[in-house]
Amino acid sequence: MSVRAQTYPNVEVIVVDNYSTDRTREIAEKYGARVILCRAIRSEARNVGAGLAKGEFILSVDSDMELTPNVVSECVAKAESGFDGAFT
């Protein structure tokens, strides 16, 4: 799980699952994610997860995304620097 391989030390993982039947809940819990079961379309599910998050920043990812180990650190650094451009 590329989210757990981040170099940033404090990452909270919330998985909002629409009652999938593909073992999503089981796999996410195995990696220490907080799993929320919710009947919602993608944008609603993201809002549910964001509403439950305790952190200062939110990075939404989809199940088919694989993150490089430094992406969270880089995003936090840019946000804290007052970055006002586009991420590349």
Protein backbone atom coordinates (compact mmCIF):
# COMPACT_ATOMS: atom_id res chain seq x y z
CA MET A 1 0.00 0.00 0.00
CA SER A 2 1.79 3.11 -1.24
CA VAL A 3 0.00 5.35 1.26
CA ARG A 4 1.67 3.51 4.15
CA ALA A 5 5.08 3.76 2.44
CA GLN A 6 5.13 7.56 2.71
CA THR A 7 8.16 9.29 4.18
CA TYR A 8 5.88 11.84 5.86
CA PRO A 9 5.58 10.64 9.46
CA ASN A 10 1.95 11.36 10.27
CA VAL A 11 -0.52 9.99 7.72
CA GLU A 12 -4.11 9.18 8.62
CA VAL A 13 -5.80 6.79 6.19
CA ILE A 14 -9.58 6.80 5.86
CA VAL A 15 -11.21 4.49 3.33
CA VAL A 16 -14.81 5.27 2.45
CA ASP A 17 -16.24 2.07 0.97
CA ASN A 18 -19.56 1.76 -0.83
CA TYR A 19 -20.15 -1.79 0.46
CA SER A 20 -17.87 -3.29 -2.18
CA THR A 21 -17.58 -7.07 -2.48
CA ASP A 22 -13.90 -7.18 -3.48
CA ARG A 23 -12.36 -7.41 0.03
CA THR A 24 -11.67 -3.64 0.13
CA ARG A 25 -12.65 -3.39 3.78
CA GLU A 26 -10.58 -6.40 4.83
CA ILE A 27 -7.48 -5.23 2.94
CA ALA A 28 -7.75 -1.63 4.17
CA GLU A 29 -8.13 -2.73 7.80
CA LYS A 30 -5.13 -5.05 7.41
CA TYR A 31 -3.03 -1.97 6.64
CA GLY A 32 -4.45 0.03 9.55
CA ALA A 33 -6.91 2.20 7.66
CA ARG A 34 -10.09 3.47 9.24
CA VAL A 35 -12.91 2.09 7.10
CA ILE A 36 -16.24 3.88 6.77
CA LEU A 37 -19.09 2.06 5.03
CA CYS A 38 -21.22 4.56 3.17
CA ARG A 39 -23.59 4.46 0.23
CA ALA A 40 -22.32 7.47 -1.69
CA ILE A 41 -21.05 8.49 -5.09
CA ARG A 42 -17.37 9.45 -5.37
CA SER A 43 -17.66 13.15 -4.52
CA GLU A 44 -19.97 12.45 -1.59
CA ALA A 45 -17.63 9.72 -0.33
CA ARG A 46 -14.68 12.13 -0.46
CA ASN A 47 -16.66 14.65 1.57
CA VAL A 48 -17.53 11.98 4.16
CA GLY A 49 -13.85 11.09 4.52
CA ALA A 50 -12.79 14.74 4.66
CA GLY A 51 -15.36 15.42 7.36
CA LEU A 52 -13.93 12.65 9.53
CA ALA A 53 -10.28 13.51 8.99
CA LYS A 54 -8.32 14.94 11.91
CA GLY A 55 -5.38 16.35 9.96
CA GLU A 56 -4.72 19.81 8.66
CA PHE A 57 -4.38 18.68 5.03
CA ILE A 58 -6.32 16.18 2.92
CA LEU A 59 -5.05 14.24 -0.07
CA SER A 60 -7.72 12.19 -1.81
CA VAL A 61 -6.60 9.16 -3.79
CA ASP A 62 -8.43 6.45 -5.66
CA SER A 63 -7.88 2.71 -5.34
CA ASP A 64 -6.05 2.52 -8.67
CA MET A 65 -3.45 5.15 -7.75
CA GLU A 66 0.07 4.37 -6.58
CA LEU A 67 1.93 7.13 -4.77
CA THR A 68 5.65 7.78 -4.82
CA PRO A 69 7.09 7.65 -1.26
CA ASN A 70 7.62 11.43 -1.03
CA VAL A 71 4.36 12.73 -2.47
CA VAL A 72 2.73 13.57 0.89
CA SER A 73 5.90 15.27 2.19
CA GLU A 74 6.15 17.30 -1.01
CA CYS A 75 2.49 18.34 -0.92
CA VAL A 76 2.68 19.37 2.74
CA ALA A 77 5.88 21.35 2.14
CA LYS A 78 4.31 23.22 -0.77
CA ALA A 79 1.11 23.92 1.18
CA GLU A 80 3.04 25.20 4.18
CA SER A 81 5.19 27.44 1.99
CA GLY A 82 2.14 29.32 0.74
CA PHE A 83 2.41 27.73 -2.68
CA ASP A 84 -0.14 29.27 -5.05
CA GLY A 85 0.66 27.53 -8.34
CA ALA A 86 -0.09 24.19 -9.94
CA PHE A 87 1.39 20.90 -8.79
CA THR A 88 3.46 19.14 -11.41
